Amino acid sequence: MGLPAGWLKAGYALLHGEDSEGRREALQAWKAVHVDPEWADFSLLLCSEGCPWPEVQNALLESAPLGTDRVVIVPQAENLLEKPKELPTSIKALLLQPVPGTRLLLVSRSALSAAPGRVLATKPFSDWGKEGRVLKVGALEEREAPAFVEAQAKALGLRLESGVAARLAARMGGNPGVLKRTLEVLDLLAEDRLVNSALVDEATFRLGDQNAFAWSQAWQKGQLGQALATLRLALEDEPSSAPLMLLGQARREVERVARLVEARAAGIKAPGSLLEALGLSPKQGFLIDGYARVLDRVGAEAVKRLLHLVNQTDLDLKGMALSGGQTPLMSLTVSLARVWTGP
C-alpha cells in the first residue's frame, strides 16, 4: 500500500478505517519513521484499550531519553473520538500545539465521519484532515473498488478484460485485503497474465455466488435458520477466506444504515444527496427504502450497537482461531437478522 508521505511524516496523526491489514501496515510504516528502534523500549509508549485522555496526556508528558522523542500510540482510540465536542480543553490545546519532542498516533478501528458535529468535522481534527494528517484505510466505496482492483492487478502484472474489475469488486465487496488476496489467487491461475470473466467465476464461484450472497439474503429476510446453515457451509468451503468476506458484506450493509443516520442528522433529504451520502450509485437508489425501514424500526442507537458488534467481530476473528470464525459470526448473524427484521 502506498502511504502518503505527508501523513507518514506527521508528528501528530490519525489513522482510521476497518481494513485491519491496512491499519497494521500503516501503523508499522509510521512507527518506522518516528521511532528509533534502538531506543524503542524507552521512547515508545502504547496506551491501553479504552484509555482516557488523561492517560494519553500523561504519556506525552513523560520524559524520553535525551536526544529522542516521546512517541505515544493509542491503538484503540474509538472512545476518545466518539464525542469530539467534549474534548477536554487541555487536550485540545495539546493537539493544536504539541509539546516539543513528542509524537502521537491515534488509531480508530472504525471509519470516522466528517459529517457536521462528528470528529473529522471538529477542530483540531478538521485541521489535521486539511494538513494531510488523517489517513483512512477502511473499506472502499463501491465506486472506488474497481479502480483499486485495476491498480493492484497492474502491480501484479495482470491484464484485466473490460468489465472484470467491476465484476470482481461487486462480487467480493470493498475490503482491500480480500480484494488483494483474490487477485493473488488469480495471479496463480492466470498463466497468460490475462484475467477474464470466466477466470473470475472459477476463482470465486462457490463463495461469491452461492454462500456469501445466500447468507446475506437470508438474514436480511429474517430467515435465521437458513442464514446459520449457509454460514456453516461457507466456513466449511472456504475456512481461510470466508470469514473476512462474510464480515465485509455485513459491514457494507450496516455502514449504509449508519450513514443514513448521519445523513438524517445533517438534514440531508434530496435523493441524489442521500445516494452520495450512502456511497450508492444512481442505479442503486432502490436500496435506500430498505435501509430507511431498518432505521425507522430499530432507531439510531441500535444501528450504532450493531456497527460496534461488526467491529468487535473483526477483532474476534483474529483472536479466536480455534473456532475458525464460527462463534463470532454466528452471534453476528443472529444480531443482523434481529435488526433487519425483528426477533
Protein backbone atom coordinates (compact mmCIF):
# COMPACT_ATOMS: atom_id res chain seq x y z
CA MET A 1 0.00 0.00 0.00
CA GLY A 2 1.39 3.38 -0.99
CA LEU A 3 1.10 5.69 2.00
CA PRO A 4 1.00 9.49 1.67
CA ALA A 5 4.39 10.98 2.54
CA GLY A 6 2.71 13.87 4.37
CA TRP A 7 0.85 11.52 6.69
CA LEU A 8 3.93 9.41 7.35
CA LYS A 9 5.95 12.46 8.35
CA ALA A 10 3.21 13.97 10.55
CA GLY A 11 4.28 14.04 14.20
CA TYR A 12 0.66 14.08 15.36
CA ALA A 13 -1.55 11.91 13.13
CA LEU A 14 -4.81 9.98 12.96
CA LEU A 15 -5.36 6.56 11.37
CA HIS A 16 -8.86 5.14 10.94
CA GLY A 17 -10.81 2.53 8.99
CA GLU A 18 -11.95 -1.10 9.06
CA ASP A 19 -9.17 -2.58 6.93
CA SER A 20 -7.18 -4.30 9.68
CA GLU A 21 -4.33 -5.24 7.36
CA GLY A 22 -4.13 -1.68 6.11
CA ARG A 23 -4.10 -0.34 9.66
CA ARG A 24 -1.26 -2.64 10.68
CA GLU A 25 0.77 -1.75 7.60
CA ALA A 26 0.22 1.98 8.06
CA LEU A 27 0.96 1.84 11.79
CA GLN A 28 4.24 -0.03 11.23
CA ALA A 29 5.26 2.41 8.49
CA TRP A 30 4.53 5.41 10.74
CA LYS A 31 6.50 3.82 13.59
CA ALA A 32 9.44 3.21 11.27
CA VAL A 33 9.59 6.94 10.56
CA HIS A 34 9.14 8.20 14.13
CA VAL A 35 10.59 5.56 16.47
CA ASP A 36 14.31 4.90 16.80
CA PRO A 37 14.47 1.08 17.08
CA GLU A 38 17.48 1.25 19.39
CA TRP A 39 15.51 3.35 21.89
CA ALA A 40 12.02 1.97 21.28
CA ASP A 41 11.82 0.28 24.69
CA PHE A 42 12.34 3.65 26.36
CA SER A 43 10.81 6.18 23.97
CA LEU A 44 7.66 4.40 22.74
CA LEU A 45 4.51 4.12 24.88
CA LEU A 46 1.37 2.18 23.90
CA CYS A 47 -1.80 3.27 25.67
CA SER A 48 -4.19 0.63 26.97
CA GLU A 49 -7.50 -0.23 25.33
CA GLY A 50 -10.20 2.28 26.24
CA CYS A 51 -7.71 4.60 27.93
CA PRO A 52 -8.99 8.09 28.83
CA TRP A 53 -7.49 11.34 27.58
CA PRO A 54 -5.61 11.99 30.86
CA GLU A 55 -3.64 8.77 30.31
CA VAL A 56 -2.69 9.94 26.82
CA GLN A 57 -1.68 13.35 28.15
CA ASN A 58 0.44 11.84 30.92
CA ALA A 59 2.15 9.56 28.41
CA LEU A 60 3.03 12.52 26.18
CA LEU A 61 4.42 14.50 29.11
CA GLU A 62 6.57 11.64 30.39
CA SER A 63 10.25 12.28 29.76
CA ALA A 64 12.01 10.37 27.00
CA PRO A 65 15.74 9.53 26.84
CA LEU A 66 17.93 12.51 25.94
CA GLY A 67 18.02 13.06 22.21
CA THR A 68 14.88 11.02 21.42
CA ASP A 69 11.22 11.92 21.05
CA ARG A 70 8.46 10.63 23.29
CA VAL A 71 6.23 8.62 20.91
CA VAL A 72 2.73 7.67 22.05
CA ILE A 73 0.43 5.34 20.12
CA VAL A 74 -3.21 4.86 21.05
CA PRO A 75 -4.11 1.63 19.18
CA GLN A 76 -7.82 1.70 20.08
CA ALA A 77 -8.89 5.33 20.31
CA GLU A 78 -12.57 4.99 19.40
CA ASN A 79 -13.77 6.09 22.83
CA LEU A 80 -11.61 9.23 22.67
CA LEU A 81 -13.07 10.27 19.34
CA GLU A 82 -16.72 9.42 19.95
CA LYS A 83 -17.71 12.84 21.33
CA PRO A 84 -15.36 15.44 19.79
CA LYS A 85 -17.33 18.37 21.22
CA GLU A 86 -16.49 17.12 24.72
CA LEU A 87 -12.74 17.18 24.08
CA PRO A 88 -11.05 18.49 27.26
CA THR A 89 -9.64 21.99 26.89
CA SER A 90 -6.15 20.89 27.92
CA ILE A 91 -6.16 18.08 25.37
CA LYS A 92 -7.43 20.32 22.61
CA ALA A 93 -4.63 22.78 23.32
CA LEU A 94 -2.10 19.94 23.32
CA LEU A 95 -3.35 18.64 19.97
CA LEU A 96 -3.28 22.11 18.44
CA GLN A 97 0.16 22.97 19.88
CA PRO A 98 2.09 19.74 20.56
CA VAL A 99 4.73 19.64 23.24
CA PRO A 100 8.16 19.80 21.56
CA GLY A 101 9.80 16.42 21.34
CA THR A 102 6.54 14.44 21.33
CA ARG A 103 4.74 12.44 18.68
CA LEU A 104 1.26 10.92 18.74
CA LEU A 105 -0.67 8.45 16.61
CA LEU A 106 -4.38 7.90 17.28
CA VAL A 107 -5.82 4.74 15.73
CA SER A 108 -9.54 4.02 15.26
CA ARG A 109 -10.65 0.56 14.14
CA SER A 110 -13.82 2.04 12.65
CA ALA A 111 -14.16 4.67 9.96
CA LEU A 112 -14.69 8.19 11.27
CA SER A 113 -17.13 10.68 9.82
CA ALA A 114 -16.73 14.22 8.54
CA ALA A 115 -20.45 14.95 8.91
CA PRO A 116 -21.36 18.09 10.88
CA GLY A 117 -20.65 17.61 14.58
CA ARG A 118 -18.62 14.46 14.04
CA VAL A 119 -14.95 14.06 14.78
CA LEU A 120 -13.44 14.85 11.36
CA ALA A 121 -15.54 18.00 11.11
CA THR A 122 -14.41 19.26 14.52
CA LYS A 123 -11.19 21.06 15.39
CA PRO A 124 -8.41 20.12 15.67
CA PHE A 125 -9.12 17.03 13.56
CA SER A 126 -10.70 19.03 10.74
CA ASP A 127 -7.40 20.93 10.51
CA TRP A 128 -5.49 17.66 10.59
CA GLY A 129 -7.52 16.48 7.61
CA LYS A 130 -6.65 19.59 5.60
CA GLU A 131 -3.00 19.16 6.52
CA GLY A 132 -2.87 15.53 5.38
CA ARG A 133 -2.50 14.12 8.89
CA VAL A 134 -5.58 11.86 8.66
CA LEU A 135 -5.40 8.53 6.83
CA LYS A 136 -8.36 6.27 6.11
CA VAL A 137 -7.81 2.59 5.37
CA GLY A 138 -11.41 1.44 5.62
CA ALA A 139 -13.49 -0.49 3.12
CA LEU A 140 -13.57 1.06 -0.32
CA GLU A 141 -16.67 2.76 -1.65
CA GLU A 142 -18.34 0.83 -4.44
CA ARG A 143 -17.26 3.40 -6.99
CA GLU A 144 -13.65 3.24 -5.68
CA ALA A 145 -13.23 -0.54 -5.62
CA PRO A 146 -12.86 -1.18 -9.40
CA ALA A 147 -10.05 1.38 -9.66
CA PHE A 148 -8.35 -0.26 -6.67
CA VAL A 149 -8.63 -3.67 -8.36
CA GLU A 150 -7.14 -2.30 -11.57
CA ALA A 151 -4.22 -0.71 -9.74
CA GLN A 152 -3.46 -3.88 -7.76
CA ALA A 153 -3.74 -6.02 -10.90
CA LYS A 154 -1.29 -3.74 -12.70
CA ALA A 155 1.17 -4.06 -9.82
CA LEU A 156 0.97 -7.87 -10.18
CA GLY A 157 1.44 -7.68 -13.93
CA LEU A 158 -2.09 -8.88 -14.67
CA ARG A 159 -4.20 -7.70 -17.60
CA LEU A 160 -7.93 -7.39 -16.92
CA GLU A 161 -10.52 -7.75 -19.63
CA SER A 162 -13.10 -4.99 -19.88
CA GLY A 163 -15.58 -5.10 -17.01
CA VAL A 164 -13.59 -7.61 -14.94
CA ALA A 165 -12.53 -5.08 -12.28
CA ALA A 166 -16.14 -4.05 -11.64
CA ARG A 167 -17.28 -7.68 -11.66
CA LEU A 168 -14.67 -8.69 -9.13
CA ALA A 169 -15.40 -5.70 -6.88
CA ALA A 170 -19.15 -6.33 -6.96
CA ARG A 171 -18.65 -9.98 -6.08
CA MET A 172 -16.02 -9.68 -3.36
CA GLY A 173 -17.02 -6.38 -1.72
CA GLY A 174 -14.89 -3.38 -0.81
CA ASN A 175 -12.45 -4.87 1.72
CA PRO A 176 -8.97 -4.10 0.31
CA GLY A 177 -7.43 -7.14 1.98
CA VAL A 178 -9.99 -9.52 0.45
CA LEU A 179 -9.58 -7.93 -2.98
CA LYS A 180 -5.79 -8.20 -2.81
CA ARG A 181 -5.91 -11.85 -1.76
CA THR A 182 -8.39 -12.63 -4.54
CA LEU A 183 -6.06 -11.05 -7.08
CA GLU A 184 -3.20 -13.11 -5.67
CA VAL A 185 -5.25 -16.25 -6.36
CA LEU A 186 -5.96 -15.00 -9.88
CA ASP A 187 -2.26 -14.31 -10.28
CA LEU A 188 -1.61 -18.02 -9.78
CA LEU A 189 -4.43 -19.10 -12.11
CA ALA A 190 -3.75 -16.69 -14.98
CA GLU A 191 -0.95 -18.46 -16.85
CA ASP A 192 -1.07 -15.98 -19.74
CA ARG A 193 -1.43 -12.99 -17.32
CA LEU A 194 -4.92 -12.28 -18.70
CA VAL A 195 -7.88 -12.28 -16.31
CA ASN A 196 -11.28 -12.65 -17.91
CA SER A 197 -14.77 -13.12 -16.52
CA ALA A 198 -14.57 -16.90 -16.76
CA LEU A 199 -11.43 -16.97 -14.63
CA VAL A 200 -13.06 -14.70 -12.03
CA ASP A 201 -16.07 -17.01 -11.95
CA GLU A 202 -13.81 -20.02 -11.50
CA ALA A 203 -11.91 -18.43 -8.62
CA THR A 204 -14.89 -17.03 -6.72
CA PHE A 205 -17.93 -19.10 -7.73
CA ARG A 206 -18.61 -21.21 -4.64
CA LEU A 207 -18.27 -18.45 -2.10
CA GLY A 208 -19.13 -15.39 -4.16
CA ASP A 209 -22.21 -16.59 -6.00
CA GLN A 210 -23.63 -19.10 -3.57
CA ASN A 211 -22.71 -18.96 0.08
CA ALA A 212 -21.97 -15.29 0.73
CA PHE A 213 -24.92 -13.99 -1.26
CA ALA A 214 -27.26 -16.58 0.21
CA TRP A 215 -26.08 -15.76 3.75
CA SER A 216 -26.65 -12.04 3.30
CA GLN A 217 -30.06 -12.52 1.69
CA ALA A 218 -31.17 -14.91 4.42
CA TRP A 219 -30.52 -12.64 7.41
CA GLN A 220 -31.92 -9.62 5.57
CA LYS A 221 -35.16 -11.56 5.14
CA GLY A 222 -35.15 -12.75 8.76
CA GLN A 223 -34.52 -16.37 7.75
CA LEU A 224 -32.20 -17.07 10.67
CA GLY A 225 -32.07 -20.84 10.29
CA GLN A 226 -31.15 -20.56 6.62
CA ALA A 227 -28.57 -17.87 7.39
CA LEU A 228 -26.85 -20.03 10.02
CA ALA A 229 -26.87 -23.08 7.77
CA THR A 230 -25.34 -21.06 4.92
CA LEU A 231 -22.75 -19.64 7.31
CA ARG A 232 -21.61 -23.14 8.30
CA LEU A 233 -21.38 -24.16 4.65
CA ALA A 234 -19.31 -21.09 3.77
CA LEU A 235 -16.88 -21.73 6.61
CA GLU A 236 -16.51 -25.37 5.60
CA ASP A 237 -15.94 -24.49 1.95
CA GLU A 238 -13.50 -21.62 2.44
CA PRO A 239 -12.28 -21.61 6.07
CA SER A 240 -9.48 -19.12 5.37
CA SER A 241 -11.21 -16.51 3.21
CA ALA A 242 -14.91 -16.88 4.07
CA PRO A 243 -14.88 -15.15 7.49
CA LEU A 244 -13.44 -11.88 6.20
CA MET A 245 -15.59 -11.91 3.10
CA LEU A 246 -18.80 -12.53 5.03
CA LEU A 247 -17.85 -9.85 7.53
CA GLY A 248 -17.16 -7.45 4.67
CA GLN A 249 -20.65 -7.98 3.27
CA ALA A 250 -22.24 -7.43 6.67
CA ARG A 251 -20.15 -4.31 7.28
CA ARG A 252 -21.19 -2.81 3.96
CA GLU A 253 -24.89 -3.19 4.76
CA VAL A 254 -24.61 -1.95 8.36
CA GLU A 255 -22.45 1.03 7.38
CA ARG A 256 -25.01 2.14 4.82
CA VAL A 257 -27.66 2.30 7.54
CA ALA A 258 -25.18 4.12 9.80
CA ARG A 259 -24.54 6.64 7.03
CA LEU A 260 -28.28 7.14 6.71
CA VAL A 261 -28.33 8.01 10.42
CA GLU A 262 -25.66 10.66 9.81
CA ALA A 263 -27.41 11.95 6.70
CA ARG A 264 -30.67 12.44 8.57
CA ALA A 265 -28.86 14.17 11.43
CA ALA A 266 -27.31 16.54 8.88
CA GLY A 267 -30.72 17.25 7.33
CA ILE A 268 -29.91 15.55 4.00
CA LYS A 269 -33.14 14.62 2.22
CA ALA A 270 -32.62 15.06 -1.53
CA PRO A 271 -32.43 11.65 -3.27
CA GLY A 272 -29.20 12.49 -5.07
CA SER A 273 -27.54 13.70 -1.89
CA LEU A 274 -28.69 10.60 0.00
CA LEU A 275 -27.18 8.37 -2.67
CA GLU A 276 -23.87 10.15 -2.31
CA ALA A 277 -24.00 10.02 1.50
CA LEU A 278 -24.60 6.27 1.47
CA GLY A 279 -21.98 5.61 -1.22
CA LEU A 280 -24.56 4.30 -3.70
CA SER A 281 -24.69 4.69 -7.45
CA PRO A 282 -27.80 6.11 -9.18
CA LYS A 283 -28.78 2.57 -10.18
CA GLN A 284 -28.88 1.54 -6.52
CA GLY A 285 -31.42 4.16 -5.43
CA PHE A 286 -33.99 1.44 -4.79
CA LEU A 287 -31.92 0.24 -1.82
CA ILE A 288 -32.50 3.40 0.23
CA ASP A 289 -36.08 2.48 1.14
CA GLY A 290 -34.90 -0.80 2.65
CA TYR A 291 -32.23 0.88 4.76
CA ALA A 292 -34.76 3.50 5.85
CA ARG A 293 -37.18 0.79 7.03
CA VAL A 294 -34.44 -0.80 9.12
CA LEU A 295 -33.51 2.53 10.72
CA ASP A 296 -37.11 3.57 11.35
CA ARG A 297 -37.84 0.27 13.05
CA VAL A 298 -34.85 -0.04 15.39
CA GLY A 299 -33.53 3.53 15.77
CA ALA A 300 -30.07 5.07 15.61
CA GLU A 301 -28.77 3.59 18.87
CA ALA A 302 -29.46 0.02 17.73
CA VAL A 303 -27.62 0.71 14.48
CA LYS A 304 -24.68 2.10 16.44
CA ARG A 305 -24.58 -1.02 18.62
CA LEU A 306 -24.70 -3.26 15.56
CA LEU A 307 -21.80 -1.40 13.94
CA HIS A 308 -19.84 -1.83 17.18
CA LEU A 309 -20.61 -5.56 17.06
CA VAL A 310 -19.28 -5.74 13.50
CA ASN A 311 -16.03 -4.14 14.66
CA GLN A 312 -15.84 -6.47 17.65
CA THR A 313 -16.40 -9.46 15.37
CA ASP A 314 -13.46 -8.25 13.29
CA LEU A 315 -11.30 -8.42 16.41
CA ASP A 316 -12.73 -11.79 17.44
CA LEU A 317 -11.92 -13.32 14.05
CA LYS A 318 -8.27 -12.52 14.68
CA GLY A 319 -8.23 -13.84 18.24
CA MET A 320 -10.41 -16.97 18.12
CA ALA A 321 -8.59 -19.20 15.65
CA LEU A 322 -9.83 -22.36 17.39
CA SER A 323 -13.42 -21.63 16.41
CA GLY A 324 -12.50 -20.81 12.82
CA GLY A 325 -14.65 -17.71 12.99
CA GLN A 326 -17.85 -19.68 13.57
CA THR A 327 -18.69 -18.46 17.08
CA PRO A 328 -18.37 -14.67 16.49
CA LEU A 329 -20.01 -14.90 13.06
CA MET A 330 -22.95 -16.91 14.44
CA SER A 331 -23.53 -14.23 17.07
CA LEU A 332 -23.30 -11.51 14.43
CA THR A 333 -25.74 -13.38 12.16
CA VAL A 334 -28.34 -13.54 14.91
CA SER A 335 -27.98 -9.81 15.62
CA LEU A 336 -28.16 -8.89 11.94
CA ALA A 337 -31.38 -10.86 11.47
CA ARG A 338 -32.97 -9.26 14.54
CA VAL A 339 -32.09 -5.74 13.49
CA TRP A 340 -33.20 -6.18 9.90
CA THR A 341 -36.50 -7.93 10.51
CA GLY A 342 -37.08 -8.34 14.24
CA PRO A 343 -36.84 -11.38 16.60
